[in-house]
């Protein structure tokens, strides 16, 4: 199955929406995608950085971020242009 190309901004928006769908993650305020292209392989490796307000359940946020990252990596690749 091929992955759909998305911009960094689109991926951040999608990730924020998916992470906030998990119970206990309402205090997540933003997502940043850090990526590094591998031009030899024609792929892009990326990871999510999550910013949440004080008082959130960190274990829940970490679980949501990991699960969301795994799902999105199967579906999307970052467009480099």
C-alpha atoms as a PDB file:
ATOM      1  CA  UNK A   1       0.000   0.000   0.000  1.00  0.00           C
ATOM      2  CA  UNK A   2       1.463   3.354  -0.978  1.00  0.00           C
ATOM      3  CA  UNK A   3       1.516   6.316   1.350  1.00  0.00           C
ATOM      4  CA  UNK A   4      -0.167   9.593   0.489  1.00  0.00           C
ATOM      5  CA  UNK A   5       2.041  12.697   0.301  1.00  0.00           C
ATOM      6  CA  UNK A   6       1.142  15.509   2.719  1.00  0.00           C
ATOM      7  CA  UNK A   7       2.780  18.754   3.736  1.00  0.00           C
ATOM      8  CA  UNK A   8       4.379  19.135   7.158  1.00  0.00           C
ATOM      9  CA  UNK A   9       1.575  21.528   8.194  1.00  0.00           C
ATOM     10  CA  UNK A  10      -1.116  19.082   7.064  1.00  0.00           C
ATOM     11  CA  UNK A  11       0.536  16.243   8.968  1.00  0.00           C
ATOM     12  CA  UNK A  12       0.722  18.372  12.129  1.00  0.00           C
ATOM     13  CA  UNK A  13      -2.985  19.222  11.839  1.00  0.00           C
ATOM     14  CA  UNK A  14      -3.960  15.580  11.242  1.00  0.00           C
ATOM     15  CA  UNK A  15      -1.792  14.368  14.134  1.00  0.00           C
ATOM     16  CA  UNK A  16      -3.231  16.961  16.540  1.00  0.00           C
ATOM     17  CA  UNK A  17      -6.771  15.987  15.615  1.00  0.00           C
ATOM     18  CA  UNK A  18      -6.054  12.259  16.035  1.00  0.00           C
ATOM     19  CA  UNK A  19      -4.186  12.645  19.326  1.00  0.00           C
ATOM     20  CA  UNK A  20      -6.979  14.784  20.773  1.00  0.00           C
ATOM     21  CA  UNK A  21      -9.460  12.004  19.944  1.00  0.00           C
ATOM     22  CA  UNK A  22      -7.920   9.860  22.727  1.00  0.00           C
ATOM     23  CA  UNK A  23      -9.545  10.208  26.161  1.00  0.00           C
ATOM     24  CA  UNK A  24      -7.382  12.216  28.553  1.00  0.00           C
ATOM     25  CA  UNK A  25      -5.511  14.188  25.888  1.00  0.00           C
ATOM     26  CA  UNK A  26      -7.685  17.301  25.850  1.00  0.00           C
ATOM     27  CA  UNK A  27      -4.781  19.410  27.159  1.00  0.00           C
ATOM     28  CA  UNK A  28      -2.591  18.763  24.112  1.00  0.00           C
ATOM     29  CA  UNK A  29      -2.165  22.199  22.530  1.00  0.00           C
ATOM     30  CA  UNK A  30       0.141  21.620  19.565  1.00  0.00           C
ATOM     31  CA  UNK A  31       2.136  19.136  17.537  1.00  0.00           C
ATOM     32  CA  UNK A  32       5.398  19.683  15.716  1.00  0.00           C
ATOM     33  CA  UNK A  33       6.697  17.301  13.094  1.00  0.00           C
ATOM     34  CA  UNK A  34      10.460  16.938  12.900  1.00  0.00           C
ATOM     35  CA  UNK A  35      11.650  15.273   9.717  1.00  0.00           C
ATOM     36  CA  UNK A  36      14.771  14.422   7.825  1.00  0.00           C
ATOM     37  CA  UNK A  37      14.663  13.406   4.166  1.00  0.00           C
ATOM     38  CA  UNK A  38      16.760  10.494   2.941  1.00  0.00           C
ATOM     39  CA  UNK A  39      17.361  11.414  -0.683  1.00  0.00           C
ATOM     40  CA  UNK A  40      19.166   8.136  -1.385  1.00  0.00           C
ATOM     41  CA  UNK A  41      16.075   6.110  -0.523  1.00  0.00           C
ATOM     42  CA  UNK A  42      13.543   8.736  -1.584  1.00  0.00           C
ATOM     43  CA  UNK A  43      11.819   8.637   1.803  1.00  0.00           C
ATOM     44  CA  UNK A  44      11.396  10.915   4.776  1.00  0.00           C
ATOM     45  CA  UNK A  45      11.761   9.825   8.381  1.00  0.00           C
ATOM     46  CA  UNK A  46       9.762  11.906  10.838  1.00  0.00           C
ATOM     47  CA  UNK A  47       8.656  12.041  14.450  1.00  0.00           C
ATOM     48  CA  UNK A  48       6.055  13.929  16.451  1.00  0.00           C
ATOM     49  CA  UNK A  49       6.753  16.383  19.263  1.00  0.00           C
ATOM     50  CA  UNK A  50       3.741  16.999  21.475  1.00  0.00           C
ATOM     51  CA  UNK A  51       3.136  20.113  23.577  1.00  0.00           C
ATOM     52  CA  UNK A  52       0.541  19.854  26.349  1.00  0.00           C
ATOM     53  CA  UNK A  53      -0.675  22.079  29.143  1.00  0.00           C
ATOM     54  CA  UNK A  54       0.350  21.486  32.720  1.00  0.00           C
ATOM     55  CA  UNK A  55      -1.715  18.913  34.565  1.00  0.00           C
ATOM     56  CA  UNK A  56      -2.181  16.500  31.690  1.00  0.00           C
ATOM     57  CA  UNK A  57      -1.786  12.734  32.009  1.00  0.00           C
ATOM     58  CA  UNK A  58       1.673  12.274  30.466  1.00  0.00           C
ATOM     59  CA  UNK A  59       1.352   8.499  30.148  1.00  0.00           C
ATOM     60  CA  UNK A  60      -1.891   8.937  28.215  1.00  0.00           C
ATOM     61  CA  UNK A  61      -0.365  11.608  25.959  1.00  0.00           C
ATOM     62  CA  UNK A  62       2.683   9.421  25.262  1.00  0.00           C
ATOM     63  CA  UNK A  63       0.464   6.465  24.385  1.00  0.00           C
ATOM     64  CA  UNK A  64      -1.665   8.625  22.080  1.00  0.00           C
ATOM     65  CA  UNK A  65       1.417  10.121  20.386  1.00  0.00           C
ATOM     66  CA  UNK A  66       3.047   6.719  19.802  1.00  0.00           C
ATOM     67  CA  UNK A  67      -0.144   5.129  18.500  1.00  0.00           C
ATOM     68  CA  UNK A  68      -0.905   8.099  16.261  1.00  0.00           C
ATOM     69  CA  UNK A  69       2.650   8.260  14.940  1.00  0.00           C
ATOM     70  CA  UNK A  70       2.600   4.558  14.040  1.00  0.00           C
ATOM     71  CA  UNK A  71      -0.750   4.918  12.250  1.00  0.00           C
ATOM     72  CA  UNK A  72       0.217   8.048  10.345  1.00  0.00           C
ATOM     73  CA  UNK A  73       3.579   6.632   9.240  1.00  0.00           C
ATOM     74  CA  UNK A  74       1.693   3.817   7.522  1.00  0.00           C
ATOM     75  CA  UNK A  75      -0.597   6.298   5.741  1.00  0.00           C
ATOM     76  CA  UNK A  76       1.459   9.414   4.954  1.00  0.00           C
ATOM     77  CA  UNK A  77       4.817  10.614   3.708  1.00  0.00           C
ATOM     78  CA  UNK A  78       5.941  14.249   3.925  1.00  0.00           C
ATOM     79  CA  UNK A  79       6.032  16.158   0.656  1.00  0.00           C
ATOM     80  CA  UNK A  80       9.427  17.806   0.319  1.00  0.00           C
ATOM     81  CA  UNK A  81       8.382  20.717  -1.908  1.00  0.00           C
END
